Amino acid sequence: MLDTFQYFADLTPYQFTGLIGFVCYVASFGSLQLGWLDGNSMTYSICNVLAASLVAVSLMEAFNLASALIQGSWIIFGLLGLALRAKRAFPSARPAQAAAYKTEVL
């Protein structure tokens, strides 16, 4: 038991950051499986991007190419998903403005 406490006491900041990322991954996936989060929600995507970012930071200490590629992909796809959701949530007002302008000019 003391070895476990010593292990956690000896964690570097990078290792601790990676562990927080792991907790974020497990919490978001567990919440999805238990029905507490919707897989299409912004909250789920934000949790996954945060988790991948934290694990990616931990790779600065002990680099692993495969893990870096996975985390990078997860971050990119997560950010793309967030951007698409934001675009759907806040549609551009330009088409409405253009239609109003055409009506006024005619």
PDB file of N, CA and C in Angstrom:
ATOM      1  N   MET A   1       0.825  -1.194   0.000  1.00  0.00           N
ATOM      2  CA  MET A   1       0.000   0.000   0.000  1.00  0.00           C
ATOM      3  C   MET A   1       0.865   1.252   0.000  1.00  0.00           C
ATOM      4  N   LEU A   2       1.960   1.197   0.748  1.00  0.00           N
ATOM      5  CA  LEU A   2       2.859   2.343   0.790  1.00  0.00           C
ATOM      6  C   LEU A   2       3.506   2.592  -0.562  1.00  0.00           C
ATOM      7  N   ASP A   3       3.743   1.515  -1.334  1.00  0.00           N
ATOM      8  CA  ASP A   3       4.311   1.673  -2.671  1.00  0.00           C
ATOM      9  C   ASP A   3       3.378   2.476  -3.569  1.00  0.00           C
ATOM     10  N   THR A   4       2.077   2.247  -3.430  1.00  0.00           N
ATOM     11  CA  THR A   4       1.096   2.986  -4.231  1.00  0.00           C
ATOM     12  C   THR A   4       1.141   4.463  -3.888  1.00  0.00           C
ATOM     13  N   PHE A   5       1.173   4.775  -2.606  1.00  0.00           N
ATOM     14  CA  PHE A   5       1.257   6.179  -2.191  1.00  0.00           C
ATOM     15  C   PHE A   5       2.551   6.819  -2.685  1.00  0.00           C
ATOM     16  N   GLN A   6       3.641   6.060  -2.621  1.00  0.00           N
ATOM     17  CA  GLN A   6       4.932   6.578  -3.069  1.00  0.00           C
ATOM     18  C   GLN A   6       4.909   6.831  -4.572  1.00  0.00           C
ATOM     19  N   TYR A   7       4.263   5.933  -5.316  1.00  0.00           N
ATOM     20  CA  TYR A   7       4.158   6.110  -6.765  1.00  0.00           C
ATOM     21  C   TYR A   7       3.465   7.432  -7.095  1.00  0.00           C
ATOM     22  N   PHE A   8       2.330   7.688  -6.454  1.00  0.00           N
ATOM     23  CA  PHE A   8       1.600   8.923  -6.721  1.00  0.00           C
ATOM     24  C   PHE A   8       2.354  10.147  -6.222  1.00  0.00           C
ATOM     25  N   ALA A   9       3.109   9.993  -5.160  1.00  0.00           N
ATOM     26  CA  ALA A   9       3.904  11.109  -4.638  1.00  0.00           C
ATOM     27  C   ALA A   9       5.042  11.464  -5.587  1.00  0.00           C
ATOM     28  N   ASP A  10       5.523  10.476  -6.350  1.00  0.00           N
ATOM     29  CA  ASP A  10       6.656  10.691  -7.255  1.00  0.00           C
ATOM     30  C   ASP A  10       6.239  11.101  -8.669  1.00  0.00           C
ATOM     31  N   LEU A  11       4.951  11.275  -8.909  1.00  0.00           N
ATOM     32  CA  LEU A  11       4.495  11.652 -10.260  1.00  0.00           C
ATOM     33  C   LEU A  11       5.064  13.008 -10.663  1.00  0.00           C
ATOM     34  N   THR A  12       5.478  13.094 -11.922  1.00  0.00           N
ATOM     35  CA  THR A  12       5.903  14.388 -12.454  1.00  0.00           C
ATOM     36  C   THR A  12       4.657  15.164 -12.875  1.00  0.00           C
ATOM     37  N   PRO A  13       4.780  16.466 -13.098  1.00  0.00           N
ATOM     38  CA  PRO A  13       3.616  17.236 -13.570  1.00  0.00           C
ATOM     39  C   PRO A  13       3.044  16.691 -14.882  1.00  0.00           C
ATOM     40  N   TYR A  14       3.914  16.203 -15.774  1.00  0.00           N
ATOM     41  CA  TYR A  14       3.428  15.645 -17.038  1.00  0.00           C
ATOM     42  C   TYR A  14       2.638  14.354 -16.806  1.00  0.00           C
ATOM     43  N   GLN A  15       3.136  13.506 -15.928  1.00  0.00           N
ATOM     44  CA  GLN A  15       2.428  12.267 -15.623  1.00  0.00           C
ATOM     45  C   GLN A  15       1.086  12.560 -14.955  1.00  0.00           C
ATOM     46  N   PHE A  16       1.070  13.523 -14.068  1.00  0.00           N
ATOM     47  CA  PHE A  16      -0.174  13.894 -13.397  1.00  0.00           C
ATOM     48  C   PHE A  16      -1.187  14.441 -14.411  1.00  0.00           C
ATOM     49  N   THR A  17      -0.711  15.249 -15.358  1.00  0.00           N
ATOM     50  CA  THR A  17      -1.577  15.783 -16.418  1.00  0.00           C
ATOM     51  C   THR A  17      -2.165  14.644 -17.240  1.00  0.00           C
ATOM     52  N   GLY A  18      -1.360  13.651 -17.576  1.00  0.00           N
ATOM     53  CA  GLY A  18      -1.849  12.490 -18.316  1.00  0.00           C
ATOM     54  C   GLY A  18      -2.896  11.715 -17.543  1.00  0.00           C
ATOM     55  N   LEU A  19      -2.706  11.596 -16.239  1.00  0.00           N
ATOM     56  CA  LEU A  19      -3.700  10.909 -15.412  1.00  0.00           C
ATOM     57  C   LEU A  19      -5.029  11.668 -15.378  1.00  0.00           C
ATOM     58  N   ILE A  20      -4.956  12.986 -15.323  1.00  0.00           N
ATOM     59  CA  ILE A  20      -6.186  13.793 -15.363  1.00  0.00           C
ATOM     60  C   ILE A  20      -6.884  13.584 -16.711  1.00  0.00           C
ATOM     61  N   GLY A  21      -6.102  13.510 -17.792  1.00  0.00           N
ATOM     62  CA  GLY A  21      -6.669  13.221 -19.112  1.00  0.00           C
ATOM     63  C   GLY A  21      -7.355  11.870 -19.141  1.00  0.00           C
ATOM     64  N   PHE A  22      -6.705  10.876 -18.544  1.00  0.00           N
ATOM     65  CA  PHE A  22      -7.307   9.543 -18.440  1.00  0.00           C
ATOM     66  C   PHE A  22      -8.644   9.604 -17.704  1.00  0.00           C
ATOM     67  N   VAL A  23      -8.682  10.329 -16.600  1.00  0.00           N
ATOM     68  CA  VAL A  23      -9.920  10.456 -15.822  1.00  0.00           C
ATOM     69  C   VAL A  23     -11.006  11.122 -16.679  1.00  0.00           C
ATOM     70  N   CYS A  24     -10.630  12.131 -17.451  1.00  0.00           N
ATOM     71  CA  CYS A  24     -11.609  12.794 -18.336  1.00  0.00           C
ATOM     72  C   CYS A  24     -12.147  11.825 -19.383  1.00  0.00           C
ATOM     73  N   TYR A  25     -11.249  11.026 -19.995  1.00  0.00           N
ATOM     74  CA  TYR A  25     -11.683  10.031 -20.981  1.00  0.00           C
ATOM     75  C   TYR A  25     -12.677   9.053 -20.357  1.00  0.00           C
ATOM     76  N   VAL A  26     -12.308   8.486 -19.227  1.00  0.00           N
ATOM     77  CA  VAL A  26     -13.147   7.466 -18.587  1.00  0.00           C
ATOM     78  C   VAL A  26     -14.469   8.063 -18.107  1.00  0.00           C
ATOM     79  N   ALA A  27     -14.414   9.276 -17.556  1.00  0.00           N
ATOM     80  CA  ALA A  27     -15.642   9.917 -17.074  1.00  0.00           C
ATOM     81  C   ALA A  27     -16.594  10.217 -18.225  1.00  0.00           C
ATOM     82  N   SER A  28     -16.074  10.723 -19.337  1.00  0.00           N
ATOM     83  CA  SER A  28     -16.962  11.056 -20.456  1.00  0.00           C
ATOM     84  C   SER A  28     -17.526   9.792 -21.099  1.00  0.00           C
ATOM     85  N   PHE A  29     -16.690   8.770 -21.286  1.00  0.00           N
ATOM     86  CA  PHE A  29     -17.189   7.539 -21.892  1.00  0.00           C
ATOM     87  C   PHE A  29     -18.153   6.819 -20.960  1.00  0.00           C
ATOM     88  N   GLY A  30     -17.833   6.782 -19.679  1.00  0.00           N
ATOM     89  CA  GLY A  30     -18.738   6.172 -18.711  1.00  0.00           C
ATOM     90  C   GLY A  30     -20.067   6.900 -18.663  1.00  0.00           C
ATOM     91  N   SER A  31     -20.018   8.225 -18.693  1.00  0.00           N
ATOM     92  CA  SER A  31     -21.257   9.021 -18.685  1.00  0.00           C
ATOM     93  C   SER A  31     -22.083   8.765 -19.938  1.00  0.00           C
ATOM     94  N   LEU A  32     -21.406   8.583 -21.057  1.00  0.00           N
ATOM     95  CA  LEU A  32     -22.111   8.261 -22.299  1.00  0.00           C
ATOM     96  C   LEU A  32     -22.794   6.901 -22.186  1.00  0.00           C
ATOM     97  N   GLN A  33     -22.072   5.903 -21.689  1.00  0.00           N
ATOM     98  CA  GLN A  33     -22.623   4.555 -21.591  1.00  0.00           C
ATOM     99  C   GLN A  33     -23.755   4.450 -20.572  1.00  0.00           C
ATOM    100  N   LEU A  34     -23.695   5.271 -19.539  1.00  0.00           N
ATOM    101  CA  LEU A  34     -24.740   5.257 -18.514  1.00  0.00           C
ATOM    102  C   LEU A  34     -25.929   6.150 -18.866  1.00  0.00           C
ATOM    103  N   GLY A  35     -25.836   6.842 -20.006  1.00  0.00           N
ATOM    104  CA  GLY A  35     -26.937   7.684 -20.454  1.00  0.00           C
ATOM    105  C   GLY A  35     -26.966   9.061 -19.817  1.00  0.00           C
ATOM    106  N   TRP A  36     -25.894   9.447 -19.139  1.00  0.00           N
ATOM    107  CA  TRP A  36     -25.839  10.768 -18.505  1.00  0.00           C
ATOM    108  C   TRP A  36     -25.439  11.847 -19.493  1.00  0.00           C
ATOM    109  N   LEU A  37     -24.762  11.468 -20.566  1.00  0.00           N
ATOM    110  CA  LEU A  37     -24.350  12.403 -21.615  1.00  0.00           C
ATOM    111  C   LEU A  37     -24.830  11.880 -22.955  1.00  0.00           C
ATOM    112  N   ASP A  38     -25.137  12.794 -23.854  1.00  0.00           N
ATOM    113  CA  ASP A  38     -25.488  12.461 -25.226  1.00  0.00           C
ATOM    114  C   ASP A  38     -24.205  12.500 -26.053  1.00  0.00           C
ATOM    115  N   GLY A  39     -23.984  11.489 -26.846  1.00  0.00           N
ATOM    116  CA  GLY A  39     -22.784  11.425 -27.674  1.00  0.00           C
ATOM    117  C   GLY A  39     -22.707  12.527 -28.710  1.00  0.00           C
ATOM    118  N   ASN A  40     -23.814  13.181 -29.003  1.00  0.00           N
ATOM    119  CA  ASN A  40     -23.829  14.284 -29.958  1.00  0.00           C
ATOM    120  C   ASN A  40     -23.823  15.647 -29.276  1.00  0.00           C
ATOM    121  N   SER A  41     -23.605  15.660 -27.977  1.00  0.00           N
ATOM    122  CA  SER A  41     -23.635  16.934 -27.259  1.00  0.00           C
ATOM    123  C   SER A  41     -22.275  17.626 -27.316  1.00  0.00           C
ATOM    124  N   MET A  42     -22.314  18.932 -27.145  1.00  0.00           N
ATOM    125  CA  MET A  42     -21.070  19.698 -27.103  1.00  0.00           C
ATOM    126  C   MET A  42     -20.273  19.317 -25.851  1.00  0.00           C
ATOM    127  N   THR A  43     -20.973  19.006 -24.761  1.00  0.00           N
ATOM    128  CA  THR A  43     -20.294  18.630 -23.522  1.00  0.00           C
ATOM    129  C   THR A  43     -19.424  17.392 -23.725  1.00  0.00           C
ATOM    130  N   TYR A  44     -19.950  16.389 -24.401  1.00  0.00           N
ATOM    131  CA  TYR A  44     -19.190  15.168 -24.652  1.00  0.00           C
ATOM    132  C   TYR A  44     -17.965  15.466 -25.516  1.00  0.00           C
ATOM    133  N   SER A  45     -18.150  16.266 -26.547  1.00  0.00           N
ATOM    134  CA  SER A  45     -17.020  16.610 -27.420  1.00  0.00           C
ATOM    135  C   SER A  45     -15.962  17.413 -26.670  1.00  0.00           C
ATOM    136  N   ILE A  46     -16.402  18.351 -25.852  1.00  0.00           N
ATOM    137  CA  ILE A  46     -15.451  19.161 -25.078  1.00  0.00           C
ATOM    138  C   ILE A  46     -14.664  18.271 -24.119  1.00  0.00           C
ATOM    139  N   CYS A  47     -15.341  17.344 -23.466  1.00  0.00           N
ATOM    140  CA  CYS A  47     -14.654  16.421 -22.548  1.00  0.00           C
ATOM    141  C   CYS A  47     -13.605  15.599 -23.284  1.00  0.00           C
ATOM    142  N   ASN A  48     -13.927  15.130 -24.477  1.00  0.00           N
ATOM    143  CA  ASN A  48     -12.979  14.326 -25.241  1.00  0.00           C
ATOM    144  C   ASN A  48     -11.800  15.150 -25.743  1.00  0.00           C
ATOM    145  N   VAL A  49     -12.049  16.362 -26.196  1.00  0.00           N
ATOM    146  CA  VAL A  49     -10.946  17.225 -26.635  1.00  0.00           C
ATOM    147  C   VAL A  49     -10.052  17.562 -25.452  1.00  0.00           C
ATOM    148  N   LEU A  50     -10.655  17.851 -24.306  1.00  0.00           N
ATOM    149  CA  LEU A  50      -9.875  18.137 -23.107  1.00  0.00           C
ATOM    150  C   LEU A  50      -9.024  16.930 -22.709  1.00  0.00           C
ATOM    151  N   ALA A  51      -9.635  15.759 -22.698  1.00  0.00           N
ATOM    152  CA  ALA A  51      -8.906  14.539 -22.331  1.00  0.00           C
ATOM    153  C   ALA A  51      -7.740  14.290 -23.276  1.00  0.00           C
ATOM    154  N   ALA A  52      -7.987  14.385 -24.575  1.00  0.00           N
ATOM    155  CA  ALA A  52      -6.919  14.156 -25.554  1.00  0.00           C
ATOM    156  C   ALA A  52      -5.814  15.190 -25.412  1.00  0.00           C
ATOM    157  N   SER A  53      -6.181  16.425 -25.146  1.00  0.00           N
ATOM    158  CA  SER A  53      -5.179  17.484 -24.978  1.00  0.00           C
ATOM    159  C   SER A  53      -4.307  17.234 -23.757  1.00  0.00           C
ATOM    160  N   LEU A  54      -4.920  16.800 -22.668  1.00  0.00           N
ATOM    161  CA  LEU A  54      -4.160  16.526 -21.452  1.00  0.00           C
ATOM    162  C   LEU A  54      -3.212  15.343 -21.646  1.00  0.00           C
ATOM    163  N   VAL A  55      -3.687  14.295 -22.293  1.00  0.00           N
ATOM    164  CA  VAL A  55      -2.820  13.147 -22.561  1.00  0.00           C
ATOM    165  C   VAL A  55      -1.708  13.556 -23.524  1.00  0.00           C
ATOM    166  N   ALA A  56      -2.017  14.394 -24.514  1.00  0.00           N
ATOM    167  CA  ALA A  56      -0.994  14.863 -25.454  1.00  0.00           C
ATOM    168  C   ALA A  56       0.090  15.661 -24.728  1.00  0.00           C
ATOM    169  N   VAL A  57      -0.298  16.463 -23.757  1.00  0.00           N
ATOM    170  CA  VAL A  57       0.691  17.216 -22.971  1.00  0.00           C
ATOM    171  C   VAL A  57       1.610  16.240 -22.241  1.00  0.00           C
ATOM    172  N   SER A  58       1.048  15.172 -21.713  1.00  0.00           N
ATOM    173  CA  SER A  58       1.874  14.206 -20.981  1.00  0.00           C
ATOM    174  C   SER A  58       2.897  13.539 -21.889  1.00  0.00           C
ATOM    175  N   LEU A  59       2.626  13.498 -23.189  1.00  0.00           N
ATOM    176  CA  LEU A  59       3.563  12.885 -24.133  1.00  0.00           C
ATOM    177  C   LEU A  59       4.812  13.739 -24.349  1.00  0.00           C
ATOM    178  N   MET A  60       4.790  14.954 -23.884  1.00  0.00           N
ATOM    179  CA  MET A  60       5.976  15.802 -24.017  1.00  0.00           C
ATOM    180  C   MET A  60       7.123  15.257 -23.169  1.00  0.00           C
ATOM    181  N   GLU A  61       6.797  14.524 -22.133  1.00  0.00           N
ATOM    182  CA  GLU A  61       7.835  13.948 -21.274  1.00  0.00           C
ATOM    183  C   GLU A  61       8.306  12.593 -21.798  1.00  0.00           C
ATOM    184  N   ALA A  62       7.379  11.762 -22.207  1.00  0.00           N
ATOM    185  CA  ALA A  62       7.703  10.420 -22.691  1.00  0.00           C
ATOM    186  C   ALA A  62       6.963  10.215 -24.006  1.00  0.00           C
ATOM    187  N   PHE A  63       7.583  10.639 -25.106  1.00  0.00           N
ATOM    188  CA  PHE A  63       6.914  10.623 -26.410  1.00  0.00           C
ATOM    189  C   PHE A  63       6.662   9.203 -26.888  1.00  0.00           C
ATOM    190  N   ASN A  64       5.501   9.032 -27.511  1.00  0.00           N
ATOM    191  CA  ASN A  64       5.107   7.776 -28.124  1.00  0.00           C
ATOM    192  C   ASN A  64       4.342   8.159 -29.389  1.00  0.00           C
ATOM    193  N   LEU A  65       4.895   7.828 -30.550  1.00  0.00           N
ATOM    194  CA  LEU A  65       4.314   8.276 -31.819  1.00  0.00           C
ATOM    195  C   LEU A  65       2.865   7.812 -31.995  1.00  0.00           C
ATOM    196  N   ALA A  66       2.603   6.547 -31.720  1.00  0.00           N
ATOM    197  CA  ALA A  66       1.236   6.036 -31.906  1.00  0.00           C
ATOM    198  C   ALA A  66       0.248   6.795 -31.026  1.00  0.00           C
ATOM    199  N   SER A  67       0.612   7.001 -29.788  1.00  0.00           N
ATOM    200  CA  SER A  67      -0.273   7.729 -28.878  1.00  0.00           C
ATOM    201  C   SER A  67      -0.432   9.180 -29.321  1.00  0.00           C
ATOM    202  N   ALA A  68       0.648   9.791 -29.776  1.00  0.00           N
ATOM    203  CA  ALA A  68       0.576  11.179 -30.253  1.00  0.00           C
ATOM    204  C   ALA A  68      -0.351  11.296 -31.456  1.00  0.00           C
ATOM    205  N   LEU A  69      -0.291  10.327 -32.360  1.00  0.00           N
ATOM    206  CA  LEU A  69      -1.179  10.353 -33.535  1.00  0.00           C
ATOM    207  C   LEU A  69      -2.633  10.177 -33.129  1.00  0.00           C
ATOM    208  N   ILE A  70      -2.884   9.283 -32.184  1.00  0.00           N
ATOM    209  CA  ILE A  70      -4.256   9.079 -31.705  1.00  0.00           C
ATOM    210  C   ILE A  70      -4.782  10.350 -31.041  1.00  0.00           C
ATOM    211  N   GLN A  71      -3.983  10.932 -30.152  1.00  0.00           N
ATOM    212  CA  GLN A  71      -4.435  12.134 -29.442  1.00  0.00           C
ATOM    213  C   GLN A  71      -4.642  13.293 -30.425  1.00  0.00           C
ATOM    214  N   GLY A  72      -3.724  13.449 -31.367  1.00  0.00           N
ATOM    215  CA  GLY A  72      -3.868  14.513 -32.369  1.00  0.00           C
ATOM    216  C   GLY A  72      -5.129  14.344 -33.197  1.00  0.00           C
ATOM    217  N   SER A  73      -5.397  13.115 -33.613  1.00  0.00           N
ATOM    218  CA  SER A  73      -6.616  12.841 -34.393  1.00  0.00           C
ATOM    219  C   SER A  73      -7.856  13.133 -33.563  1.00  0.00           C
ATOM    220  N   TRP A  74      -7.831  12.713 -32.311  1.00  0.00           N
ATOM    221  CA  TRP A  74      -8.974  12.925 -31.423  1.00  0.00           C
ATOM    222  C   TRP A  74      -9.238  14.419 -31.235  1.00  0.00           C
ATOM    223  N   ILE A  75      -8.172  15.184 -31.081  1.00  0.00           N
ATOM    224  CA  ILE A  75      -8.309  16.638 -30.909  1.00  0.00           C
ATOM    225  C   ILE A  75      -8.864  17.271 -32.179  1.00  0.00           C
ATOM    226  N   ILE A  76      -8.312  16.913 -33.334  1.00  0.00           N
ATOM    227  CA  ILE A  76      -8.761  17.502 -34.608  1.00  0.00           C
ATOM    228  C   ILE A  76     -10.230  17.176 -34.868  1.00  0.00           C
ATOM    229  N   PHE A  77     -10.594  15.895 -34.761  1.00  0.00           N
ATOM    230  CA  PHE A  77     -11.989  15.523 -35.023  1.00  0.00           C
ATOM    231  C   PHE A  77     -12.933  16.112 -33.985  1.00  0.00           C
ATOM    232  N   GLY A  78     -12.494  16.187 -32.750  1.00  0.00           N
ATOM    233  CA  GLY A  78     -13.318  16.798 -31.714  1.00  0.00           C
ATOM    234  C   GLY A  78     -13.565  18.274 -31.988  1.00  0.00           C
ATOM    235  N   LEU A  79     -12.514  18.987 -32.393  1.00  0.00           N
ATOM    236  CA  LEU A  79     -12.673  20.414 -32.700  1.00  0.00           C
ATOM    237  C   LEU A  79     -13.534  20.622 -33.942  1.00  0.00           C
ATOM    238  N   LEU A  80     -13.376  19.748 -34.940  1.00  0.00           N
ATOM    239  CA  LEU A  80     -14.238  19.842 -36.131  1.00  0.00           C
ATOM    240  C   LEU A  80     -15.704  19.609 -35.758  1.00  0.00           C
ATOM    241  N   GLY A  81     -15.953  18.618 -34.911  1.00  0.00           N
ATOM    242  CA  GLY A  81     -17.321  18.357 -34.464  1.00  0.00           C
ATOM    243  C   GLY A  81     -17.901  19.526 -33.693  1.00  0.00           C
ATOM    244  N   LEU A  82     -17.079  20.130 -32.840  1.00  0.00           N
ATOM    245  CA  LEU A  82     -17.543  21.310 -32.091  1.00  0.00           C
ATOM    246  C   LEU A  82     -17.854  22.465 -33.037  1.00  0.00           C
ATOM    247  N   ALA A  83     -17.013  22.661 -34.048  1.00  0.00           N
ATOM    248  CA  ALA A  83     -17.246  23.744 -35.009  1.00  0.00           C
ATOM    249  C   ALA A  83     -18.535  23.511 -35.790  1.00  0.00           C
ATOM    250  N   LEU A  84     -18.777  22.278 -36.201  1.00  0.00           N
ATOM    251  CA  LEU A  84     -20.013  21.974 -36.929  1.00  0.00           C
ATOM    252  C   LEU A  84     -21.238  22.171 -36.051  1.00  0.00           C
ATOM    253  N   ARG A  85     -21.159  21.762 -34.801  1.00  0.00           N
ATOM    254  CA  ARG A  85     -22.292  21.963 -33.886  1.00  0.00           C
ATOM    255  C   ARG A  85     -22.546  23.448 -33.647  1.00  0.00           C
ATOM    256  N   ALA A  86     -21.472  24.204 -33.504  1.00  0.00           N
ATOM    257  CA  ALA A  86     -21.615  25.643 -33.297  1.00  0.00           C
ATOM    258  C   ALA A  86     -22.216  26.300 -34.533  1.00  0.00           C
ATOM    259  N   LYS A  87     -21.804  25.845 -35.699  1.00  0.00           N
ATOM    260  CA  LYS A  87     -22.343  26.410 -36.948  1.00  0.00           C
ATOM    261  C   LYS A  87     -23.843  26.130 -37.059  1.00  0.00           C
ATOM    262  N   ARG A  88     -24.260  24.918 -36.659  1.00  0.00           N
ATOM    263  CA  ARG A  88     -25.681  24.574 -36.697  1.00  0.00           C
ATOM    264  C   ARG A  88     -26.471  25.330 -35.636  1.00  0.00           C
ATOM    265  N   ALA A  89     -25.846  25.574 -34.493  1.00  0.00           N
ATOM    266  CA  ALA A  89     -26.527  26.258 -33.395  1.00  0.00           C
ATOM    267  C   ALA A  89     -26.676  27.752 -33.662  1.00  0.00           C
ATOM    268  N   PHE A  90     -25.705  28.326 -34.368  1.00  0.00           N
ATOM    269  CA  PHE A  90     -25.709  29.756 -34.661  1.00  0.00           C
ATOM    270  C   PHE A  90     -25.568  29.964 -36.161  1.00  0.00           C
ATOM    271  N   PRO A  91     -26.645  29.712 -36.915  1.00  0.00           N
ATOM    272  CA  PRO A  91     -26.550  29.851 -38.373  1.00  0.00           C
ATOM    273  C   PRO A  91     -26.255  31.297 -38.761  1.00  0.00           C
ATOM    274  N   SER A  92     -25.608  31.427 -39.881  1.00  0.00           N
ATOM    275  CA  SER A  92     -25.236  32.748 -40.370  1.00  0.00           C
ATOM    276  C   SER A  92     -26.473  33.576 -40.704  1.00  0.00           C
ATOM    277  N   ALA A  93     -26.413  34.848 -40.427  1.00  0.00           N
ATOM    278  CA  ALA A  93     -27.528  35.748 -40.726  1.00  0.00           C
ATOM    279  C   ALA A  93     -27.423  36.306 -42.137  1.00  0.00           C
ATOM    280  N   ARG A  94     -26.358  36.005 -42.851  1.00  0.00           N
ATOM    281  CA  ARG A  94     -26.153  36.579 -44.191  1.00  0.00           C
ATOM    282  C   ARG A  94     -27.270  36.251 -45.180  1.00  0.00           C
ATOM    283  N   PRO A  95     -27.743  35.008 -45.292  1.00  0.00           N
ATOM    284  CA  PRO A  95     -28.832  34.769 -46.244  1.00  0.00           C
ATOM    285  C   PRO A  95     -30.076  35.595 -45.925  1.00  0.00           C
ATOM    286  N   ALA A  96     -30.386  35.755 -44.664  1.00  0.00           N
ATOM    287  CA  ALA A  96     -31.546  36.560 -44.290  1.00  0.00           C
ATOM    288  C   ALA A  96     -31.294  38.023 -44.614  1.00  0.00           C
ATOM    289  N   GLN A  97     -30.091  38.500 -44.395  1.00  0.00           N
ATOM    290  CA  GLN A  97     -29.755  39.889 -44.717  1.00  0.00           C
ATOM    291  C   GLN A  97     -29.817  40.118 -46.215  1.00  0.00           C
ATOM    292  N   ALA A  98     -29.327  39.157 -47.002  1.00  0.00           N
ATOM    293  CA  ALA A  98     -29.349  39.294 -48.460  1.00  0.00           C
ATOM    294  C   ALA A  98     -30.784  39.322 -48.967  1.00  0.00           C
ATOM    295  N   ALA A  99     -31.649  38.472 -48.411  1.00  0.00           N
ATOM    296  CA  ALA A  99     -33.041  38.466 -48.814  1.00  0.00           C
ATOM    297  C   ALA A  99     -33.719  39.775 -48.458  1.00  0.00           C
ATOM    298  N   ALA A 100     -33.421  40.318 -47.303  1.00  0.00           N
ATOM    299  CA  ALA A 100     -34.003  41.610 -46.895  1.00  0.00           C
ATOM    300  C   ALA A 100     -33.506  42.709 -47.819  1.00  0.00           C
ATOM    301  N   TYR A 101     -32.242  42.663 -48.205  1.00  0.00           N
ATOM    302  CA  TYR A 101     -31.687  43.695 -49.087  1.00  0.00           C
ATOM    303  C   TYR A 101     -32.353  43.652 -50.443  1.00  0.00           C
ATOM    304  N   LYS A 102     -32.552  42.452 -51.015  1.00  0.00           N
ATOM    305  CA  LYS A 102     -33.189  42.307 -52.314  1.00  0.00           C
ATOM    306  C   LYS A 102     -34.610  42.856 -52.264  1.00  0.00           C
ATOM    307  N   THR A 103     -35.328  42.613 -51.187  1.00  0.00           N
ATOM    308  CA  THR A 103     -36.687  43.091 -51.047  1.00  0.00           C
ATOM    309  C   THR A 103     -36.725  44.622 -51.005  1.00  0.00           C
ATOM    310  N   GLU A 104     -35.766  45.219 -50.292  1.00  0.00           N
ATOM    311  CA  GLU A 104     -35.740  46.664 -50.173  1.00  0.00           C
ATOM    312  C   GLU A 104     -35.392  47.333 -51.498  1.00  0.00           C
ATOM    313  N   VAL A 105     -34.474  46.742 -52.255  1.00  0.00           N
ATOM    314  CA  VAL A 105     -34.022  47.332 -53.503  1.00  0.00           C
ATOM    315  C   VAL A 105     -35.114  47.251 -54.560  1.00  0.00           C
ATOM    316  N   LEU A 106     -35.834  46.155 -54.595  1.00  0.00           N
ATOM    317  CA  LEU A 106     -36.875  45.978 -55.593  1.00  0.00           C
ATOM    318  C   LEU A 106     -38.022  46.843 -55.233  1.00  0.00           C
TER     319      LEU A 106
END
